[in-house]
């Protein structure tokens, strides 16, 4: 647990200590030096206004690694002169949370100070751990700042979400990462003595290998610089070879946050849709080797299982969902095997987009204003008045008939006879089409 106390006698630890990594040495303490997230902390932007007014609520920062979540939390504590506690959800438990709540009570009552609790990787807290925060967050005893790389809607309990604002942090762009590299070369006490030179191509490679993660970019730069021998004039000229050796990988053209990211995930999806398991596993390998989040890949396969496989093979959705759960439980590197198995199954499965077309066509009618009344026989009739108005009258209970089915109208009058779902002739969907045609003899598909 980290504690930064902001007072005359307790200063923040010196960020320029010689043993700290470059990313830590360059960590800014004021908003003016913070790089990125201008949609939140730019002039007159929402979070900046709240910070300057010292009215910051509990919040959750959702964004990729190395985009400034921890730095921003520390800056908020510095600016608001708050007691600052930091926990990592992986190594902390309920007892750690309770100790901080006790300290927050003392800070509030005796010292008149606000307490900020920053929880890194808050998505790794279980329900009991998150529950332990609820009361203190709700009554304002402490300000919670959570950081997560995962969608908080999936990973954070609803009661805690309702007590926090969600701020989405974006990955840093090339210009912002270049600004950090310039800052390191010009202002870092260690780098300034080295007479370091880095060309445009080398910068581009450094940023590419860093995958948009500022921490990885800066610490990778520091490692690469250590491999450079000064020339006769004392200059250190950084080359691509130094960078590749520092990162222990060759240049893979895969930027998790740039155009190539979208190109490769598109190729992956289209290879599965096109029934090519070989191309599918190739693009999967490209993404994983490039540092893509395995859960992002698994989520995309869940979508494809419904959109492109559908009821031609209903098991595909079950497998894809199980894949996501297994990847979450197991993690890399073993998750690559689970992803490969599922991707190959989806690529090899029979395909149908009939379910996708059905909901899109239904949306089209709804948005066009075709919102007819619910037929009387389908309406709920919980009161005597509703029964007298014929709500539910003449409804036919399917289980009372042979084969548990009888024809009756379920769509509004304006859409009577409309067909949204048109099953294909592939796999299980062929059987579904035949069954529907047998049941609905006046409504053949």
Protein backbone atom coordinates (compact mmCIF):
# COMPACT_ATOMS: atom_id res chain seq x y z
CA UNK A 1 0.00 0.00 0.00
CA UNK A 2 1.32 3.44 -0.95
CA UNK A 3 0.59 6.60 0.98
CA UNK A 4 1.43 10.07 -0.25
CA UNK A 5 0.72 12.72 2.40
CA UNK A 6 0.46 16.27 1.13
CA UNK A 7 1.61 18.69 3.79
CA UNK A 8 4.56 20.91 4.64
CA UNK A 9 6.41 18.11 6.37
CA UNK A 10 5.50 15.19 4.13
CA UNK A 11 6.59 15.63 0.53
CA UNK A 12 5.96 13.29 -2.33
CA UNK A 13 8.91 10.93 -2.99
CA UNK A 14 11.51 12.38 -5.37
CA UNK A 15 10.60 11.15 -8.87
CA UNK A 16 14.18 11.72 -10.08
CA UNK A 17 15.78 9.14 -7.82
CA UNK A 18 18.42 7.40 -9.89
CA UNK A 19 17.08 3.88 -9.46
CA UNK A 20 13.55 4.64 -10.63
CA UNK A 21 12.60 3.61 -14.21
CA UNK A 22 12.35 6.38 -16.78
CA UNK A 23 8.54 6.24 -16.82
CA UNK A 24 8.50 6.90 -13.07
CA UNK A 25 11.12 9.66 -13.27
CA UNK A 26 9.02 11.47 -15.88
CA UNK A 27 5.69 11.05 -14.08
CA UNK A 28 4.21 14.59 -13.85
CA UNK A 29 2.79 16.01 -10.62
CA UNK A 30 0.69 18.79 -12.17
CA UNK A 31 -1.98 18.88 -14.86
CA UNK A 32 0.03 21.27 -17.03
CA UNK A 33 2.61 18.54 -17.64
CA UNK A 34 0.13 15.73 -18.14
CA UNK A 35 0.16 14.37 -21.70
CA UNK A 36 -3.02 13.12 -23.39
CA UNK A 37 -6.70 12.83 -22.42
CA UNK A 38 -7.45 16.39 -23.46
CA UNK A 39 -11.13 15.48 -23.80
CA UNK A 40 -11.11 15.21 -19.98
CA UNK A 41 -8.38 17.54 -18.70
CA UNK A 42 -8.08 20.13 -21.45
CA UNK A 43 -9.11 23.71 -20.81
CA UNK A 44 -12.72 23.88 -19.51
CA UNK A 45 -13.15 20.10 -19.91
CA UNK A 46 -15.27 18.30 -17.30
CA UNK A 47 -12.67 16.53 -15.19
CA UNK A 48 -10.32 19.51 -15.17
CA UNK A 49 -13.12 21.78 -13.93
CA UNK A 50 -13.93 19.36 -11.09
CA UNK A 51 -10.25 19.09 -10.13
CA UNK A 52 -9.75 22.85 -10.09
CA UNK A 53 -12.88 23.30 -7.96
CA UNK A 54 -11.74 20.50 -5.63
CA UNK A 55 -15.07 18.76 -6.21
CA UNK A 56 -13.86 15.46 -7.63
CA UNK A 57 -16.40 12.63 -7.13
CA UNK A 58 -15.65 8.94 -6.93
CA UNK A 59 -14.79 7.75 -10.43
CA UNK A 60 -13.49 4.90 -12.50
CA UNK A 61 -10.88 5.40 -15.20
CA UNK A 62 -11.37 2.92 -18.04
CA UNK A 63 -8.57 2.75 -20.58
CA UNK A 64 -5.69 0.69 -21.96
CA UNK A 65 -2.39 0.24 -20.10
CA UNK A 66 -0.02 3.20 -20.11
CA UNK A 67 -2.57 5.89 -20.93
CA UNK A 68 -2.15 7.84 -17.66
CA UNK A 69 -4.72 6.42 -15.23
CA UNK A 70 -2.36 6.19 -12.23
CA UNK A 71 -0.66 9.49 -13.02
CA UNK A 72 -3.97 11.31 -13.27
CA UNK A 73 -5.13 9.89 -9.92
CA UNK A 74 -1.93 11.10 -8.25
CA UNK A 75 -2.25 14.53 -9.83
CA UNK A 76 -5.79 14.82 -8.47
CA UNK A 77 -4.53 13.98 -4.96
CA UNK A 78 -1.66 16.46 -5.31
CA UNK A 79 -3.88 19.26 -6.57
CA UNK A 80 -6.58 18.76 -3.93
CA UNK A 81 -4.07 18.27 -1.06
CA UNK A 82 -5.72 14.95 -0.23
CA UNK A 83 -4.37 11.94 1.60
CA UNK A 84 -3.59 9.41 -1.12
CA UNK A 85 -3.65 5.64 -0.71
CA UNK A 86 -2.92 3.22 -3.52
CA UNK A 87 -3.88 -0.44 -3.65
CA UNK A 88 -3.38 -3.01 -6.33
CA UNK A 89 -6.43 -5.26 -6.57
CA UNK A 90 -4.28 -8.30 -7.32
CA UNK A 91 -2.40 -8.20 -4.02
CA UNK A 92 -4.91 -6.50 -1.71
CA UNK A 93 -7.97 -7.69 0.16
CA UNK A 94 -10.90 -6.57 2.27
CA UNK A 95 -8.71 -6.00 5.32
CA UNK A 96 -6.55 -3.53 3.40
CA UNK A 97 -9.67 -1.65 2.34
CA UNK A 98 -11.00 -1.53 5.92
CA UNK A 99 -7.71 -0.18 7.27
CA UNK A 100 -7.84 2.67 4.77
CA UNK A 101 -11.47 3.39 5.64
CA UNK A 102 -10.41 3.68 9.31
CA UNK A 103 -7.60 6.08 8.35
CA UNK A 104 -10.02 8.06 6.20
CA UNK A 105 -12.30 8.53 9.20
CA UNK A 106 -9.37 9.94 11.20
CA UNK A 107 -8.28 12.15 8.31
CA UNK A 108 -11.80 13.51 7.95
CA UNK A 109 -12.64 14.14 11.62
CA UNK A 110 -9.28 15.12 13.15
CA UNK A 111 -7.30 16.51 10.24
CA UNK A 112 -10.12 17.86 8.09
CA UNK A 113 -8.54 16.24 5.03
CA UNK A 114 -10.09 14.48 2.09
CA UNK A 115 -8.97 10.89 1.45
CA UNK A 116 -8.48 9.46 -2.01
CA UNK A 117 -8.22 5.69 -2.46
CA UNK A 118 -6.81 4.65 -5.81
CA UNK A 119 -7.35 0.99 -6.72
CA UNK A 120 -5.40 -0.21 -9.72
CA UNK A 121 -6.97 -3.09 -11.69
CA UNK A 122 -10.21 -2.69 -9.76
CA UNK A 123 -11.83 -5.24 -12.09
CA UNK A 124 -9.83 -7.91 -10.22
CA UNK A 125 -11.61 -7.14 -6.93
CA UNK A 126 -14.26 -9.76 -6.22
CA UNK A 127 -17.83 -8.89 -5.19
CA UNK A 128 -17.08 -8.98 -1.44
CA UNK A 129 -14.11 -6.66 -1.86
CA UNK A 130 -16.14 -4.23 -3.94
CA UNK A 131 -19.04 -4.42 -1.46
CA UNK A 132 -16.67 -3.30 1.31
CA UNK A 133 -16.28 0.06 -0.46
CA UNK A 134 -19.95 0.89 -0.95
CA UNK A 135 -20.86 2.64 2.30
CA UNK A 136 -17.69 4.76 2.50
CA UNK A 137 -18.04 5.85 -1.12
CA UNK A 138 -21.72 6.64 -0.75
CA UNK A 139 -21.35 8.81 2.37
CA UNK A 140 -18.26 10.57 1.00
CA UNK A 141 -15.86 9.30 3.65
CA UNK A 142 -13.40 8.63 0.87
CA UNK A 143 -13.14 9.39 -2.83
CA UNK A 144 -12.60 6.21 -4.81
CA UNK A 145 -10.63 6.31 -8.03
CA UNK A 146 -10.58 2.93 -9.73
CA UNK A 147 -8.50 2.06 -12.76
CA UNK A 148 -9.39 -0.73 -15.15
CA UNK A 149 -8.47 -1.94 -18.61
CA UNK A 150 -11.73 -3.90 -18.80
CA UNK A 151 -15.24 -2.65 -19.49
CA UNK A 152 -16.49 -1.68 -16.00
CA UNK A 153 -20.04 -2.63 -16.99
CA UNK A 154 -18.87 -6.25 -17.05
CA UNK A 155 -16.33 -6.24 -14.23
CA UNK A 156 -17.59 -3.80 -11.54
CA UNK A 157 -20.71 -4.48 -9.47
CA UNK A 158 -23.75 -2.35 -10.30
CA UNK A 159 -24.10 -0.68 -6.85
CA UNK A 160 -20.51 0.56 -7.03
CA UNK A 161 -20.91 1.68 -10.64
CA UNK A 162 -23.94 3.76 -9.69
CA UNK A 163 -21.85 5.64 -7.13
CA UNK A 164 -19.04 6.51 -9.55
CA UNK A 165 -18.58 8.50 -12.71
CA UNK A 166 -17.01 6.53 -15.56
CA UNK A 167 -14.30 8.32 -17.52
CA UNK A 168 -12.96 6.68 -20.67
CA UNK A 169 -9.26 7.30 -21.27
CA UNK A 170 -7.96 6.93 -24.81
CA UNK A 171 -4.64 5.37 -25.87
CA UNK A 172 -1.95 7.96 -26.49
CA UNK A 173 -1.42 8.88 -30.12
CA UNK A 174 1.85 9.17 -32.02
CA UNK A 175 2.18 12.92 -31.40
CA UNK A 176 1.66 12.47 -27.66
CA UNK A 177 4.15 9.61 -27.41
CA UNK A 178 6.68 11.63 -29.38
CA UNK A 179 6.18 14.44 -26.90
CA UNK A 180 7.03 12.06 -24.07
CA UNK A 181 10.15 10.90 -25.92
CA UNK A 182 11.20 14.54 -26.41
CA UNK A 183 10.62 15.22 -22.73
CA UNK A 184 12.80 12.27 -21.77
CA UNK A 185 15.66 13.35 -24.04
CA UNK A 186 15.55 17.03 -23.08
CA UNK A 187 14.67 17.03 -19.40
CA UNK A 188 15.52 13.71 -17.76
CA UNK A 189 18.63 14.24 -15.65
CA UNK A 190 20.19 10.94 -16.75
CA UNK A 191 19.32 11.22 -20.45
CA UNK A 192 20.51 14.82 -20.73
CA UNK A 193 24.08 13.71 -20.04
CA UNK A 194 24.05 11.08 -22.81
CA UNK A 195 23.78 13.28 -25.93
CA UNK A 196 21.16 10.88 -27.25
CA UNK A 197 19.98 10.99 -30.87
CA UNK A 198 16.99 9.08 -32.26
CA UNK A 199 15.75 9.35 -35.86
CA UNK A 200 12.19 9.46 -37.17
CA UNK A 201 12.18 5.81 -38.27
CA UNK A 202 13.54 4.71 -34.91
CA UNK A 203 10.89 6.78 -33.12
CA UNK A 204 8.18 5.16 -35.23
CA UNK A 205 9.51 1.68 -34.42
CA UNK A 206 9.76 2.51 -30.71
CA UNK A 207 6.16 3.67 -30.64
CA UNK A 208 5.03 0.63 -32.64
CA UNK A 209 6.80 -1.81 -30.35
CA UNK A 210 5.37 0.01 -27.35
CA UNK A 211 1.85 -0.70 -28.59
CA UNK A 212 0.52 2.71 -27.49
CA UNK A 213 1.55 2.10 -23.86
CA UNK A 214 3.50 5.12 -22.62
CA UNK A 215 5.14 3.14 -19.82
CA UNK A 216 6.36 0.47 -22.23
CA UNK A 217 7.61 3.09 -24.69
CA UNK A 218 9.63 5.00 -22.08
CA UNK A 219 11.06 1.99 -20.28
CA UNK A 220 11.83 0.33 -23.63
CA UNK A 221 13.63 3.49 -24.68
CA UNK A 222 15.68 3.41 -21.48
CA UNK A 223 16.64 -0.22 -22.02
CA UNK A 224 17.61 0.44 -25.64
CA UNK A 225 19.74 3.43 -24.67
CA UNK A 226 21.73 1.25 -22.29
CA UNK A 227 22.69 -0.92 -25.27
CA UNK A 228 24.11 2.06 -27.22
CA UNK A 229 27.84 2.73 -27.05
CA UNK A 230 28.86 6.40 -27.38
CA UNK A 231 30.77 7.32 -30.57
CA UNK A 232 34.00 9.29 -30.73
CA UNK A 233 32.12 12.54 -30.05
CA UNK A 234 30.30 11.09 -27.04
CA UNK A 235 26.96 10.84 -28.87
CA UNK A 236 24.67 7.87 -28.47
CA UNK A 237 22.83 7.14 -31.72
CA UNK A 238 19.87 4.82 -31.25
CA UNK A 239 19.25 2.34 -34.11
CA UNK A 240 16.48 -0.12 -34.96
CA UNK A 241 18.75 -2.97 -33.90
CA UNK A 242 19.04 -1.52 -30.41
CA UNK A 243 15.26 -1.25 -30.14
CA UNK A 244 14.63 -4.77 -31.40
CA UNK A 245 17.16 -6.15 -28.95
CA UNK A 246 15.64 -4.14 -26.10
CA UNK A 247 12.13 -5.39 -26.84
CA UNK A 248 13.34 -8.88 -27.75
CA UNK A 249 11.24 -8.99 -30.88
CA UNK A 250 11.49 -8.05 -34.51
CA UNK A 251 9.34 -5.32 -35.98
CA UNK A 252 5.79 -6.63 -36.11
CA UNK A 253 3.54 -4.27 -38.00
CA UNK A 254 0.78 -4.32 -35.44
CA UNK A 255 -0.29 -1.22 -33.54
CA UNK A 256 -2.96 -2.15 -31.00
CA UNK A 257 -4.50 1.27 -31.30
CA UNK A 258 -3.83 2.30 -34.88
CA UNK A 259 -5.01 1.46 -38.39
CA UNK A 260 -3.21 -1.90 -38.51
CA UNK A 261 -5.13 -3.01 -35.43
CA UNK A 262 -8.40 -2.62 -37.30
CA UNK A 263 -6.97 -4.14 -40.49
CA UNK A 264 -5.84 -7.32 -38.74
CA UNK A 265 -8.95 -7.84 -36.60
CA UNK A 266 -10.95 -7.33 -39.81
CA UNK A 267 -8.86 -9.97 -41.59
CA UNK A 268 -9.36 -12.33 -38.63
CA UNK A 269 -13.14 -11.92 -38.63
CA UNK A 270 -13.42 -12.23 -42.41
CA UNK A 271 -11.25 -15.36 -42.42
CA UNK A 272 -13.60 -17.04 -39.94
CA UNK A 273 -16.64 -15.85 -41.90
CA UNK A 274 -15.00 -17.20 -45.05
CA UNK A 275 -14.42 -20.68 -43.57
CA UNK A 276 -10.60 -20.51 -43.75
CA UNK A 277 -9.18 -21.90 -40.47
CA UNK A 278 -5.58 -21.54 -41.68
CA UNK A 279 -5.84 -17.81 -42.31
CA UNK A 280 -7.83 -17.50 -39.09
CA UNK A 281 -5.08 -18.90 -36.86
CA UNK A 282 -2.44 -16.87 -38.74
CA UNK A 283 -4.19 -13.56 -37.99
CA UNK A 284 -4.85 -14.76 -34.45
CA UNK A 285 -1.12 -15.35 -33.99
CA UNK A 286 -0.35 -11.90 -35.42
CA UNK A 287 -2.66 -10.26 -32.90
CA UNK A 288 -1.40 -12.21 -29.90
CA UNK A 289 2.26 -11.72 -30.78
CA UNK A 290 1.57 -8.02 -31.25
CA UNK A 291 0.21 -7.76 -27.71
CA UNK A 292 -3.54 -7.71 -28.36
CA UNK A 293 -5.80 -8.29 -25.35
CA UNK A 294 -6.98 -11.95 -25.54
CA UNK A 295 -10.36 -10.99 -24.06
CA UNK A 296 -10.89 -8.48 -26.86
CA UNK A 297 -10.36 -11.29 -29.38
CA UNK A 298 -12.70 -13.60 -27.44
CA UNK A 299 -15.43 -10.95 -27.36
CA UNK A 300 -15.24 -10.54 -31.12
CA UNK A 301 -15.65 -14.29 -31.55
CA UNK A 302 -18.77 -14.26 -29.36
CA UNK A 303 -20.28 -11.68 -31.72
CA UNK A 304 -19.27 -13.65 -34.82
CA UNK A 305 -20.79 -16.83 -33.38
CA UNK A 306 -24.21 -15.17 -33.51
CA UNK A 307 -23.81 -12.84 -36.46
CA UNK A 308 -22.19 -15.21 -38.94
CA UNK A 309 -22.79 -18.75 -37.65
CA UNK A 310 -26.11 -18.28 -35.91
CA UNK A 311 -28.59 -21.12 -35.83
CA UNK A 312 -26.76 -23.00 -38.57
CA UNK A 313 -24.73 -24.24 -35.58
CA UNK A 314 -26.25 -23.02 -32.29
CA UNK A 315 -23.43 -24.65 -30.31
CA UNK A 316 -21.01 -22.06 -31.73
CA UNK A 317 -22.33 -19.35 -29.39
CA UNK A 318 -22.01 -21.66 -26.38
CA UNK A 319 -18.43 -22.48 -27.32
CA UNK A 320 -17.50 -18.84 -27.93
CA UNK A 321 -18.98 -17.78 -24.60
CA UNK A 322 -17.13 -20.58 -22.82
CA UNK A 323 -13.98 -19.46 -24.62
CA UNK A 324 -14.32 -15.96 -23.17
CA UNK A 325 -14.77 -17.36 -19.66
CA UNK A 326 -11.84 -19.75 -20.02
CA UNK A 327 -9.55 -17.04 -21.37
CA UNK A 328 -10.50 -14.84 -18.40
CA UNK A 329 -9.73 -17.67 -15.96
CA UNK A 330 -6.53 -18.96 -17.55
CA UNK A 331 -4.79 -15.94 -19.07
CA UNK A 332 -1.84 -15.98 -21.41
CA UNK A 333 0.12 -17.84 -22.65
CA UNK A 334 -2.21 -20.86 -22.30
CA UNK A 335 -5.22 -18.81 -23.47
CA UNK A 336 -3.77 -18.90 -26.98
CA UNK A 337 -4.73 -22.60 -27.21
CA UNK A 338 -8.32 -21.91 -26.16
CA UNK A 339 -8.59 -19.04 -28.63
CA UNK A 340 -7.15 -21.20 -31.40
CA UNK A 341 -9.58 -24.07 -30.73
CA UNK A 342 -12.59 -21.77 -30.78
CA UNK A 343 -11.47 -19.75 -33.78
CA UNK A 344 -10.88 -22.92 -35.81
CA UNK A 345 -14.34 -24.26 -34.86
CA UNK A 346 -16.02 -21.00 -35.84
CA UNK A 347 -14.09 -20.86 -39.11
CA UNK A 348 -15.06 -24.45 -39.95
CA UNK A 349 -18.73 -24.19 -38.86
CA UNK A 350 -21.67 -23.86 -41.22
CA UNK A 351 -22.64 -20.22 -41.64
CA UNK A 352 -25.87 -18.23 -41.54
CA UNK A 353 -26.54 -14.53 -40.96
CA UNK A 354 -30.31 -15.06 -40.81
CA UNK A 355 -30.54 -14.05 -37.12
CA UNK A 356 -28.61 -10.86 -37.84
CA UNK A 357 -30.85 -10.04 -40.80
CA UNK A 358 -33.98 -10.79 -38.77
CA UNK A 359 -33.24 -8.29 -36.00
CA UNK A 360 -32.03 -5.64 -38.48
CA UNK A 361 -35.21 -5.97 -40.52
CA UNK A 362 -37.33 -5.78 -37.37
CA UNK A 363 -35.43 -2.65 -36.28
CA UNK A 364 -36.08 -1.12 -39.69
CA UNK A 365 -39.85 -1.54 -39.25
CA UNK A 366 -39.83 -0.21 -35.68
CA UNK A 367 -37.75 2.83 -36.63
CA UNK A 368 -39.99 3.48 -39.62
CA UNK A 369 -42.88 3.93 -37.21
CA UNK A 370 -44.54 0.53 -37.60
CA UNK A 371 -45.48 0.26 -33.94
CA UNK A 372 -48.87 -1.36 -34.02
CA UNK A 373 -50.96 -2.15 -30.98
CA UNK A 374 -50.49 -5.45 -29.17
CA UNK A 375 -53.37 -7.72 -30.28
CA UNK A 376 -56.03 -7.98 -27.57
CA UNK A 377 -55.68 -11.73 -27.16
CA UNK A 378 -51.97 -11.32 -26.30
CA UNK A 379 -52.44 -8.61 -23.69
CA UNK A 380 -51.99 -9.20 -19.98
CA UNK A 381 -55.22 -9.02 -17.95
CA UNK A 382 -54.37 -8.75 -14.23
CA UNK A 383 -57.52 -6.71 -13.33
CA UNK A 384 -61.26 -7.23 -13.84
CA UNK A 385 -61.49 -4.01 -15.88
CA UNK A 386 -58.90 -5.32 -18.32
CA UNK A 387 -60.79 -8.57 -18.67
CA UNK A 388 -63.98 -6.63 -19.40
CA UNK A 389 -62.05 -4.79 -22.12
CA UNK A 390 -61.28 -8.18 -23.70
CA UNK A 391 -57.61 -8.18 -22.72
CA UNK A 392 -56.41 -11.76 -23.17
CA UNK A 393 -59.71 -12.93 -24.65
CA UNK A 394 -59.50 -15.79 -27.18
CA UNK A 395 -55.80 -16.42 -26.44
CA UNK A 396 -54.97 -20.02 -27.32
CA UNK A 397 -52.60 -21.77 -24.92
CA UNK A 398 -50.20 -23.70 -27.15
CA UNK A 399 -49.64 -26.59 -24.77
CA UNK A 400 -53.33 -27.46 -24.91
CA UNK A 401 -53.03 -28.47 -28.57
CA UNK A 402 -51.45 -31.34 -30.48
CA UNK A 403 -47.69 -30.86 -30.90
CA UNK A 404 -48.03 -28.00 -28.38
CA UNK A 405 -48.88 -25.58 -31.20
CA UNK A 406 -51.82 -23.83 -32.83
CA UNK A 407 -51.85 -21.03 -35.37
CA UNK A 408 -52.82 -17.59 -34.12
CA UNK A 409 -51.72 -14.01 -34.76
CA UNK A 410 -48.80 -12.67 -32.74
CA UNK A 411 -47.78 -9.58 -34.75
CA UNK A 412 -49.74 -6.30 -34.77
CA UNK A 413 -52.46 -6.07 -37.43
CA UNK A 414 -50.33 -3.71 -39.55
CA UNK A 415 -47.56 -6.32 -39.80
CA UNK A 416 -49.67 -9.45 -40.04
CA UNK A 417 -47.87 -12.09 -42.13
CA UNK A 418 -44.52 -10.30 -41.99
CA UNK A 419 -41.46 -12.58 -42.09
CA UNK A 420 -38.25 -11.30 -40.46
CA UNK A 421 -36.46 -14.59 -39.90
CA UNK A 422 -35.59 -16.42 -43.10
CA UNK A 423 -33.54 -19.51 -42.16
CA UNK A 424 -30.84 -20.70 -44.52
CA UNK A 425 -30.38 -24.25 -45.78
CA UNK A 426 -27.21 -24.65 -43.69
CA UNK A 427 -26.79 -27.05 -40.77
CA UNK A 428 -29.37 -26.95 -38.00
CA UNK A 429 -31.04 -23.96 -39.59
CA UNK A 430 -32.34 -26.16 -42.38
CA UNK A 431 -34.18 -28.23 -39.76
CA UNK A 432 -35.51 -25.05 -38.15
CA UNK A 433 -36.89 -23.86 -41.52
CA UNK A 434 -38.58 -27.19 -42.18
CA UNK A 435 -40.19 -27.20 -38.71
CA UNK A 436 -41.46 -23.62 -39.09
CA UNK A 437 -42.91 -24.40 -42.52
CA UNK A 438 -44.65 -27.47 -41.12
CA UNK A 439 -46.17 -25.46 -38.26
CA UNK A 440 -47.02 -22.29 -40.19
CA UNK A 441 -48.49 -23.71 -43.42
CA UNK A 442 -49.85 -20.29 -44.48
CA UNK A 443 -46.55 -18.58 -43.78
CA UNK A 444 -43.90 -20.52 -45.68
CA UNK A 445 -40.24 -19.42 -45.50
